[in-house]
């Protein structure tokens, strides 16, 4: 039994769990980055003198657009240079983007948008490699649970970032949360350099220089003896690997479209809930027709609503980790999105009651943020190793580029007079459509005996 087989079939060891822990911490950056714009939007609007909700929509979407483009254009590089090098490169450039955001002059809103876009590029490119490392270093028996636990990172970053951002805004102003993001990312860059290994499957399938030595070093950390040669690659050395064919060829075309559009539905609802919830609550509470609450008090309640959406994501990820032992991860993903329909409709109808809205925000987070953890869990195994970074990266990019329309379109709809209740119900229906697409994907893969092999490219035909 070689190392690759041992990781898949044997109980998980401390080294594997540490890898997952590092990836959780790195996903924390993604979660913080998603909500830092939402939590700072009011302060940024004031500092940069932004008059319209549509301008805020562009601010909220700049980083998201970068994430989508980065996932599509930059994440495939991981299939060529390796997951480890790719992750370290992305972290270093996220630091640059965060610092540039904090240094943006208040006289130049376009500079801030460009900095947010640049930071988003590398965050979007980073996440697919993290998903893949967690999936590949998890045993077959614990993969769904491990991916669910890993999924805590994003909502935990959003929730913790919400609390921290409120404090930082009050103490040092709009730029302080971006400096915090820079510092956090720099620390994680050092930890990743020291502790994060290369993907075993990348070493076996791509065979870069020094692959056997790196393979045996990882094996030693897991307590396995050295091997004299790498295991056989599924795609023989020298054989052309048509990544596009592996993603879109034959049956893979339908599966890819179902996965990507399902994820896009989730991300549209996710970004609407995470970016607009705090501001919608603040706008409602400060409206003179609703009592005209003090702006600082309303800001605190709005931020709390955003934080509770993120807390719901932590709950959703933990539930996914627990239930994945009994329910197939794809089916569980569809159930999560179906719950989203109910949660968004409930929130829409209790929005005007502050206490009820705060409680219902947790339910929204279970669906929106927990759903992200679910898609992270099910996406790597859809694709063979040689195309995994590209396939997952393009999925993430497609979903995020589609979802940038959510904050922008929502801003225009709000300017046009559409109420919060209607908006939440619309996004609930979008989640239900996503659930249907995942159900169809599951039936497609379940009916094909070759489809679920973790690393077998035989499903591409």
Protein backbone atom coordinates (compact mmCIF):
# COMPACT_ATOMS: atom_id res chain seq x y z
CA UNK A 1 0.00 0.00 0.00
CA UNK A 2 1.58 3.29 -1.11
CA UNK A 3 1.26 6.65 0.61
CA UNK A 4 -1.53 7.83 -1.64
CA UNK A 5 -3.60 4.75 -0.82
CA UNK A 6 -2.73 4.98 2.89
CA UNK A 7 -4.04 8.54 3.14
CA UNK A 8 -7.29 7.47 1.49
CA UNK A 9 -7.88 4.30 3.52
CA UNK A 10 -6.21 4.71 6.93
CA UNK A 11 -7.36 6.71 9.98
CA UNK A 12 -6.34 10.33 9.77
CA UNK A 13 -3.14 11.25 11.59
CA UNK A 14 -2.01 14.40 13.41
CA UNK A 15 -0.12 15.75 10.38
CA UNK A 16 -3.22 15.51 8.19
CA UNK A 17 -5.29 17.27 10.83
CA UNK A 18 -2.71 20.04 11.09
CA UNK A 19 -2.93 20.60 7.33
CA UNK A 20 -6.69 20.98 7.63
CA UNK A 21 -6.20 23.37 10.55
CA UNK A 22 -3.86 25.57 8.49
CA UNK A 23 -6.32 25.57 5.59
CA UNK A 24 -9.14 26.58 7.97
CA UNK A 25 -7.01 29.53 9.10
CA UNK A 26 -6.30 30.47 5.47
CA UNK A 27 -10.00 30.24 4.58
CA UNK A 28 -10.54 32.64 7.48
CA UNK A 29 -8.90 35.29 5.26
CA UNK A 30 -11.53 34.68 2.57
CA UNK A 31 -14.32 35.06 5.12
CA UNK A 32 -12.88 38.27 6.52
CA UNK A 33 -12.36 39.64 3.01
CA UNK A 34 -15.97 38.91 2.01
CA UNK A 35 -17.42 40.96 4.86
CA UNK A 36 -14.80 43.64 5.39
CA UNK A 37 -16.38 45.61 2.54
CA UNK A 38 -19.90 45.13 3.93
CA UNK A 39 -18.95 46.20 7.44
CA UNK A 40 -16.94 49.21 6.25
CA UNK A 41 -19.38 50.32 3.53
CA UNK A 42 -21.07 53.02 5.63
CA UNK A 43 -17.74 54.42 6.85
CA UNK A 44 -16.28 54.27 3.33
CA UNK A 45 -19.35 55.99 1.87
CA UNK A 46 -18.88 58.84 4.35
CA UNK A 47 -15.09 59.11 3.95
CA UNK A 48 -15.23 59.04 0.13
CA UNK A 49 -18.48 61.09 -0.08
CA UNK A 50 -20.40 58.46 -2.07
CA UNK A 51 -23.96 59.67 -2.72
CA UNK A 52 -25.75 56.61 -4.14
CA UNK A 53 -26.48 53.00 -3.15
CA UNK A 54 -25.19 51.97 -6.58
CA UNK A 55 -21.75 53.38 -5.69
CA UNK A 56 -21.73 51.19 -2.58
CA UNK A 57 -22.71 48.28 -4.82
CA UNK A 58 -19.58 48.83 -6.91
CA UNK A 59 -17.47 48.98 -3.75
CA UNK A 60 -19.03 45.75 -2.48
CA UNK A 61 -18.52 44.05 -5.84
CA UNK A 62 -14.97 45.16 -6.68
CA UNK A 63 -13.32 42.52 -4.51
CA UNK A 64 -15.86 39.92 -5.57
CA UNK A 65 -15.16 40.54 -9.25
CA UNK A 66 -11.45 40.16 -8.54
CA UNK A 67 -12.11 36.89 -6.72
CA UNK A 68 -14.05 35.54 -9.66
CA UNK A 69 -11.46 36.52 -12.23
CA UNK A 70 -8.61 35.25 -10.04
CA UNK A 71 -10.29 31.88 -9.61
CA UNK A 72 -10.70 31.53 -13.38
CA UNK A 73 -7.39 32.94 -14.62
CA UNK A 74 -4.91 32.34 -11.79
CA UNK A 75 -6.09 29.21 -9.94
CA UNK A 76 -5.30 26.89 -12.92
CA UNK A 77 -1.64 27.81 -12.36
CA UNK A 78 -1.74 25.49 -9.32
CA UNK A 79 -2.02 22.51 -11.67
CA UNK A 80 1.32 23.55 -13.19
CA UNK A 81 3.44 24.87 -10.30
CA UNK A 82 1.89 22.93 -7.40
CA UNK A 83 -0.60 23.78 -4.65
CA UNK A 84 2.00 24.89 -2.10
CA UNK A 85 3.83 27.43 -4.32
CA UNK A 86 0.50 28.69 -5.59
CA UNK A 87 -0.86 29.27 -2.08
CA UNK A 88 2.28 31.11 -0.93
CA UNK A 89 2.25 33.35 -4.01
CA UNK A 90 -1.42 34.22 -3.48
CA UNK A 91 -0.93 35.06 0.20
CA UNK A 92 1.98 37.39 -0.57
CA UNK A 93 -0.06 39.32 -3.15
CA UNK A 94 -3.15 39.47 -0.92
CA UNK A 95 -0.92 41.37 1.53
CA UNK A 96 -0.13 43.87 -1.22
CA UNK A 97 -3.81 44.33 -2.06
CA UNK A 98 -4.83 44.80 1.56
CA UNK A 99 -2.13 47.40 2.17
CA UNK A 100 -3.10 49.26 -1.01
CA UNK A 101 -6.74 49.30 0.12
CA UNK A 102 -5.77 50.83 3.46
CA UNK A 103 -3.59 53.45 1.76
CA UNK A 104 -6.23 54.56 -0.77
CA UNK A 105 -6.63 58.37 -0.70
CA UNK A 106 -10.19 59.48 0.07
CA UNK A 107 -10.03 61.76 -2.98
CA UNK A 108 -9.73 58.75 -5.29
CA UNK A 109 -12.55 56.22 -5.05
CA UNK A 110 -11.32 54.48 -8.26
CA UNK A 111 -7.98 53.76 -6.51
CA UNK A 112 -9.84 52.02 -3.69
CA UNK A 113 -11.87 49.98 -6.18
CA UNK A 114 -8.67 48.95 -7.99
CA UNK A 115 -7.02 47.90 -4.71
CA UNK A 116 -10.07 45.89 -3.69
CA UNK A 117 -10.08 44.23 -7.12
CA UNK A 118 -6.37 43.36 -6.87
CA UNK A 119 -6.74 41.80 -3.41
CA UNK A 120 -9.75 39.87 -4.65
CA UNK A 121 -7.78 38.42 -7.57
CA UNK A 122 -5.45 36.50 -5.28
CA UNK A 123 -8.07 35.53 -2.72
CA UNK A 124 -10.16 34.02 -5.50
CA UNK A 125 -7.14 32.13 -6.79
CA UNK A 126 -6.22 30.88 -3.30
CA UNK A 127 -9.43 29.15 -2.25
CA UNK A 128 -9.54 26.32 -4.86
CA UNK A 129 -6.06 25.16 -3.84
CA UNK A 130 -7.12 25.06 -0.19
CA UNK A 131 -10.22 23.03 -1.06
CA UNK A 132 -8.09 20.54 -2.95
CA UNK A 133 -5.46 20.13 -0.22
CA UNK A 134 -8.11 19.44 2.43
CA UNK A 135 -9.88 16.96 0.18
CA UNK A 136 -6.70 15.13 -0.81
CA UNK A 137 -5.27 14.87 2.72
CA UNK A 138 -8.57 13.55 4.13
CA UNK A 139 -9.36 9.86 4.28
CA UNK A 140 -12.20 8.57 2.13
CA UNK A 141 -14.26 7.84 5.25
CA UNK A 142 -13.79 11.30 6.77
CA UNK A 143 -13.65 13.51 3.69
CA UNK A 144 -17.16 14.91 3.98
CA UNK A 145 -16.66 15.60 7.68
CA UNK A 146 -13.23 17.15 7.12
CA UNK A 147 -14.52 19.41 4.36
CA UNK A 148 -17.41 20.50 6.57
CA UNK A 149 -15.01 21.38 9.39
CA UNK A 150 -12.76 23.20 6.92
CA UNK A 151 -15.83 25.11 5.78
CA UNK A 152 -15.98 26.76 9.20
CA UNK A 153 -13.06 28.97 8.18
CA UNK A 154 -15.00 31.24 5.83
CA UNK A 155 -17.96 32.05 8.12
CA UNK A 156 -15.71 32.20 11.17
CA UNK A 157 -13.58 34.79 9.39
CA UNK A 158 -16.72 36.73 8.51
CA UNK A 159 -18.15 36.55 12.04
CA UNK A 160 -14.92 37.36 13.86
CA UNK A 161 -14.09 39.99 11.29
CA UNK A 162 -17.45 41.64 11.95
CA UNK A 163 -16.77 42.05 15.65
CA UNK A 164 -13.20 43.19 15.06
CA UNK A 165 -14.19 45.58 12.27
CA UNK A 166 -16.72 47.36 14.45
CA UNK A 167 -14.05 47.97 17.09
CA UNK A 168 -11.44 49.03 14.54
CA UNK A 169 -13.80 51.44 12.78
CA UNK A 170 -14.72 53.15 16.03
CA UNK A 171 -11.10 53.37 17.19
CA UNK A 172 -9.14 54.21 14.01
CA UNK A 173 -11.49 54.80 11.10
CA UNK A 174 -12.32 53.17 7.79
CA UNK A 175 -8.79 52.02 6.84
CA UNK A 176 -8.05 50.11 10.08
CA UNK A 177 -9.88 46.88 9.07
CA UNK A 178 -7.78 46.67 5.91
CA UNK A 179 -4.57 47.01 7.93
CA UNK A 180 -5.85 44.21 10.15
CA UNK A 181 -6.41 42.06 7.06
CA UNK A 182 -2.87 42.80 5.89
CA UNK A 183 -1.38 41.80 9.26
CA UNK A 184 -3.44 38.61 9.51
CA UNK A 185 -2.51 37.51 6.00
CA UNK A 186 1.20 38.21 6.58
CA UNK A 187 1.18 36.01 9.70
CA UNK A 188 -0.58 33.20 7.85
CA UNK A 189 1.90 33.48 4.98
CA UNK A 190 4.73 32.68 7.40
CA UNK A 191 2.82 29.75 8.94
CA UNK A 192 1.94 28.33 5.52
CA UNK A 193 5.57 28.56 4.42
CA UNK A 194 6.69 26.63 7.51
CA UNK A 195 3.97 23.99 7.75
CA UNK A 196 1.99 23.50 4.56
CA UNK A 197 3.11 20.56 2.34
CA UNK A 198 2.66 19.93 -1.35
CA UNK A 199 -0.26 17.88 -2.64
CA UNK A 200 0.59 14.16 -2.75
CA UNK A 201 -1.48 13.73 -5.89
CA UNK A 202 0.29 16.62 -7.61
CA UNK A 203 3.66 15.01 -6.86
CA UNK A 204 2.48 11.66 -8.23
CA UNK A 205 0.64 12.90 -11.31
CA UNK A 206 2.88 15.81 -12.36
CA UNK A 207 6.25 14.48 -11.07
CA UNK A 208 8.10 17.82 -10.73
CA UNK A 209 11.83 17.91 -9.92
CA UNK A 210 12.43 16.49 -6.44
CA UNK A 211 8.99 14.86 -6.34
CA UNK A 212 10.16 11.58 -4.76
CA UNK A 213 12.12 13.37 -2.05
CA UNK A 214 9.14 15.61 -1.21
CA UNK A 215 6.83 12.58 -1.31
CA UNK A 216 9.00 10.66 1.19
CA UNK A 217 9.32 13.68 3.51
CA UNK A 218 5.54 13.88 3.70
CA UNK A 219 5.36 10.12 4.25
CA UNK A 220 7.86 10.38 7.12
CA UNK A 221 5.72 13.03 8.81
CA UNK A 222 2.77 10.67 8.53
CA UNK A 223 4.79 7.77 9.95
CA UNK A 224 5.17 5.73 6.75
CA UNK A 225 8.46 4.28 5.44
CA UNK A 226 10.29 5.75 2.44
CA UNK A 227 9.45 4.42 -1.00
CA UNK A 228 12.01 3.79 -3.72
CA UNK A 229 9.77 5.14 -6.47
CA UNK A 230 6.61 7.16 -6.88
CA UNK A 231 3.36 5.22 -7.43
CA UNK A 232 2.15 4.93 -11.00
CA UNK A 233 0.40 8.04 -12.28
CA UNK A 234 -3.15 7.67 -13.54
CA UNK A 235 -2.10 9.60 -16.61
CA UNK A 236 1.24 8.17 -17.80
CA UNK A 237 4.19 10.55 -18.00
CA UNK A 238 4.45 12.23 -21.38
CA UNK A 239 0.83 11.61 -22.31
CA UNK A 240 -0.92 14.86 -23.25
CA UNK A 241 -3.45 15.98 -20.66
CA UNK A 242 -6.31 17.91 -22.19
CA UNK A 243 -7.66 19.74 -19.17
CA UNK A 244 -10.50 21.34 -21.10
CA UNK A 245 -11.63 17.88 -22.26
CA UNK A 246 -11.48 16.61 -18.68
CA UNK A 247 -13.81 19.40 -17.61
CA UNK A 248 -16.16 19.74 -20.58
CA UNK A 249 -15.80 16.50 -22.56
CA UNK A 250 -18.62 13.97 -22.85
CA UNK A 251 -20.62 13.49 -19.66
CA UNK A 252 -18.44 16.02 -17.88
CA UNK A 253 -20.07 18.90 -19.77
CA UNK A 254 -23.44 18.30 -18.13
CA UNK A 255 -21.92 17.72 -14.70
CA UNK A 256 -19.78 20.83 -14.95
CA UNK A 257 -22.73 23.01 -15.95
CA UNK A 258 -24.91 21.64 -13.14
CA UNK A 259 -22.15 22.17 -10.58
CA UNK A 260 -21.24 25.65 -11.76
CA UNK A 261 -24.76 27.01 -12.11
CA UNK A 262 -25.77 25.50 -8.78
CA UNK A 263 -22.80 27.23 -7.18
CA UNK A 264 -23.63 30.49 -8.97
CA UNK A 265 -27.17 30.42 -7.52
CA UNK A 266 -25.72 29.95 -4.05
CA UNK A 267 -23.15 32.71 -4.48
CA UNK A 268 -25.71 35.24 -5.71
CA UNK A 269 -27.76 34.67 -2.55
CA UNK A 270 -24.60 34.47 -0.42
CA UNK A 271 -23.23 37.82 -1.51
CA UNK A 272 -26.58 39.54 -1.29
CA UNK A 273 -27.07 38.36 2.30
CA UNK A 274 -23.50 39.04 3.41
CA UNK A 275 -22.97 42.40 1.73
CA UNK A 276 -26.38 44.08 1.96
CA UNK A 277 -27.83 42.81 5.26
CA UNK A 278 -25.89 45.21 7.54
CA UNK A 279 -26.65 48.25 5.36
CA UNK A 280 -30.33 47.37 4.87
CA UNK A 281 -30.78 47.06 8.63
CA UNK A 282 -28.98 50.38 9.23
CA UNK A 283 -31.01 52.16 6.55
CA UNK A 284 -34.29 50.85 7.96
CA UNK A 285 -33.48 51.75 11.57
CA UNK A 286 -32.24 55.28 10.81
CA UNK A 287 -35.26 56.10 8.64
CA UNK A 288 -37.34 58.78 10.45
CA UNK A 289 -40.50 56.90 9.47
CA UNK A 290 -39.27 53.96 11.58
CA UNK A 291 -38.25 55.98 14.63
CA UNK A 292 -34.99 57.48 13.34
CA UNK A 293 -32.56 55.56 15.55
CA UNK A 294 -29.17 57.12 16.29
CA UNK A 295 -26.72 56.29 13.50
CA UNK A 296 -24.10 54.67 15.78
CA UNK A 297 -26.69 52.50 17.51
CA UNK A 298 -28.11 51.46 14.13
CA UNK A 299 -24.59 50.72 12.86
CA UNK A 300 -24.02 48.38 15.81
CA UNK A 301 -27.30 46.52 15.20
CA UNK A 302 -26.63 46.29 11.45
CA UNK A 303 -23.16 44.90 12.03
CA UNK A 304 -24.59 42.43 14.56
CA UNK A 305 -27.04 41.21 11.91
CA UNK A 306 -24.14 40.68 9.50
CA UNK A 307 -22.14 38.89 12.17
CA UNK A 308 -25.08 36.58 12.96
CA UNK A 309 -25.35 35.65 9.29
CA UNK A 310 -21.70 34.58 9.54
CA UNK A 311 -22.34 32.77 12.85
CA UNK A 312 -25.08 30.86 11.07
CA UNK A 313 -22.44 29.83 8.54
CA UNK A 314 -20.32 28.31 11.31
CA UNK A 315 -23.39 26.40 12.51
CA UNK A 316 -24.14 25.32 8.95
CA UNK A 317 -20.59 24.07 8.37
CA UNK A 318 -20.64 22.11 11.65
CA UNK A 319 -24.01 20.59 10.78
CA UNK A 320 -22.67 19.61 7.37
CA UNK A 321 -19.63 17.96 9.00
CA UNK A 322 -21.90 16.03 11.37
CA UNK A 323 -24.55 14.99 8.85
CA UNK A 324 -22.07 14.10 6.09
CA UNK A 325 -21.40 10.88 8.01
CA UNK A 326 -24.97 9.76 7.30
CA UNK A 327 -26.11 11.67 4.21
CA UNK A 328 -24.26 11.84 0.89
CA UNK A 329 -22.53 15.25 0.67
CA UNK A 330 -24.21 16.15 -2.62
CA UNK A 331 -27.68 15.37 -1.28
CA UNK A 332 -26.83 17.28 1.88
CA UNK A 333 -25.74 20.26 -0.24
CA UNK A 334 -29.10 20.28 -2.00
CA UNK A 335 -30.93 20.12 1.34
CA UNK A 336 -28.87 23.08 2.58
CA UNK A 337 -29.97 25.18 -0.39
CA UNK A 338 -33.59 24.13 0.06
CA UNK A 339 -33.40 25.27 3.66
CA UNK A 340 -32.20 28.58 2.22
CA UNK A 341 -35.54 29.12 0.49
CA UNK A 342 -37.32 28.82 3.85
CA UNK A 343 -34.72 30.87 5.73
CA UNK A 344 -34.77 33.80 3.28
CA UNK A 345 -38.57 33.91 3.19
CA UNK A 346 -38.70 33.83 6.99
CA UNK A 347 -36.15 36.64 7.22
CA UNK A 348 -38.08 38.69 4.67
CA UNK A 349 -41.21 38.51 6.81
CA UNK A 350 -39.58 39.35 10.17
CA UNK A 351 -37.19 42.00 8.84
CA UNK A 352 -38.97 44.89 10.57
CA UNK A 353 -38.68 43.35 14.02
CA UNK A 354 -35.11 43.90 15.23
CA UNK A 355 -35.01 40.97 17.65
CA UNK A 356 -36.67 38.51 15.27
CA UNK A 357 -34.50 39.67 12.39
CA UNK A 358 -31.32 39.07 14.38
CA UNK A 359 -32.46 35.55 15.25
CA UNK A 360 -33.54 34.81 11.67
CA UNK A 361 -30.16 36.04 10.39
CA UNK A 362 -28.60 32.90 11.84
CA UNK A 363 -30.91 30.79 9.68
CA UNK A 364 -29.92 32.80 6.60
CA UNK A 365 -26.27 32.15 7.41
CA UNK A 366 -26.79 28.40 7.80
CA UNK A 367 -27.97 28.32 4.19
CA UNK A 368 -25.78 30.97 2.56
CA UNK A 369 -22.46 30.54 4.35
CA UNK A 370 -22.99 26.87 5.19
CA UNK A 371 -23.80 26.25 1.55
CA UNK A 372 -20.34 27.46 0.56
CA UNK A 373 -18.78 24.80 2.80
CA UNK A 374 -21.03 22.24 1.14
CA UNK A 375 -19.91 23.15 -2.39
CA UNK A 376 -16.28 23.15 -1.27
CA UNK A 377 -16.85 19.58 -0.09
CA UNK A 378 -18.48 18.19 -3.24
CA UNK A 379 -16.53 19.94 -6.01
CA UNK A 380 -12.99 18.41 -5.92
CA UNK A 381 -14.13 14.83 -6.50
CA UNK A 382 -16.07 15.81 -9.62
CA UNK A 383 -12.77 16.27 -11.48
CA UNK A 384 -9.64 14.09 -11.96
CA UNK A 385 -6.39 15.24 -10.34
CA UNK A 386 -4.83 16.68 -13.51
CA UNK A 387 -7.80 19.03 -13.97
CA UNK A 388 -8.83 19.50 -10.35
CA UNK A 389 -7.28 22.91 -9.68
CA UNK A 390 -8.63 24.23 -12.96
CA UNK A 391 -12.10 22.68 -12.60
CA UNK A 392 -12.64 23.81 -9.02
CA UNK A 393 -11.05 27.19 -9.71
CA UNK A 394 -13.26 27.82 -12.70
CA UNK A 395 -16.31 26.80 -10.68
CA UNK A 396 -15.41 29.28 -7.95
CA UNK A 397 -14.64 31.97 -10.52
CA UNK A 398 -17.82 31.41 -12.49
CA UNK A 399 -19.93 31.55 -9.34
CA UNK A 400 -18.27 34.69 -8.07
CA UNK A 401 -18.35 36.55 -11.36
CA UNK A 402 -22.05 35.78 -11.73
CA UNK A 403 -22.60 36.78 -8.11
CA UNK A 404 -21.03 40.23 -8.53
CA UNK A 405 -24.30 41.18 -10.14
CA UNK A 406 -26.11 40.55 -6.85
CA UNK A 407 -24.79 43.56 -4.89
CA UNK A 408 -24.86 45.86 -7.95
CA UNK A 409 -28.33 44.88 -9.18
CA UNK A 410 -29.64 44.96 -5.62
CA UNK A 411 -28.30 48.50 -5.26
CA UNK A 412 -30.13 49.65 -8.39
CA UNK A 413 -33.32 47.87 -7.31
CA UNK A 414 -33.17 49.54 -3.90
CA UNK A 415 -32.60 52.94 -5.54
CA UNK A 416 -35.63 52.14 -7.70
CA UNK A 417 -37.83 51.52 -4.68
CA UNK A 418 -37.83 47.73 -4.28
CA UNK A 419 -38.31 46.69 -0.67
CA UNK A 420 -36.01 44.45 1.36
CA UNK A 421 -38.77 41.87 1.81
CA UNK A 422 -39.12 41.31 -1.93
CA UNK A 423 -35.36 41.09 -2.45
CA UNK A 424 -34.89 38.40 0.18
CA UNK A 425 -37.73 36.32 -1.26
CA UNK A 426 -36.24 36.55 -4.77
CA UNK A 427 -32.91 35.23 -3.54
CA UNK A 428 -34.69 32.45 -1.65
CA UNK A 429 -36.14 31.24 -4.95
CA UNK A 430 -32.68 31.41 -6.55
CA UNK A 431 -31.39 29.08 -3.81
CA UNK A 432 -34.20 26.63 -4.55
CA UNK A 433 -33.13 26.57 -8.22
CA UNK A 434 -29.59 25.80 -7.08
CA UNK A 435 -30.86 22.91 -4.95
CA UNK A 436 -32.62 21.40 -7.98
CA UNK A 437 -29.42 21.59 -10.03
CA UNK A 438 -27.42 19.78 -7.33
CA UNK A 439 -30.05 17.04 -7.11
CA UNK A 440 -29.76 16.48 -10.86
CA UNK A 441 -25.94 16.42 -10.58
CA UNK A 442 -26.16 13.77 -7.87
CA UNK A 443 -28.43 11.56 -9.94
CA UNK A 444 -26.11 11.94 -12.94
CA UNK A 445 -23.02 10.88 -11.00
CA UNK A 446 -24.74 8.18 -8.95
CA UNK A 447 -25.92 6.45 -12.10
CA UNK A 448 -22.36 6.19 -13.43
CA UNK A 449 -20.13 3.71 -11.63
CA UNK A 450 -17.01 5.54 -12.86
CA UNK A 451 -18.07 8.97 -11.72
CA UNK A 452 -17.12 9.01 -8.08
CA UNK A 453 -13.63 7.53 -8.20
CA UNK A 454 -11.63 10.15 -6.32
CA UNK A 455 -8.81 10.32 -8.83
CA UNK A 456 -9.93 8.26 -11.79
CA UNK A 457 -10.16 10.12 -15.06
CA UNK A 458 -12.25 7.29 -16.49
CA UNK A 459 -15.32 9.42 -15.92
CA UNK A 460 -14.20 11.58 -18.80
CA UNK A 461 -15.41 9.99 -21.96
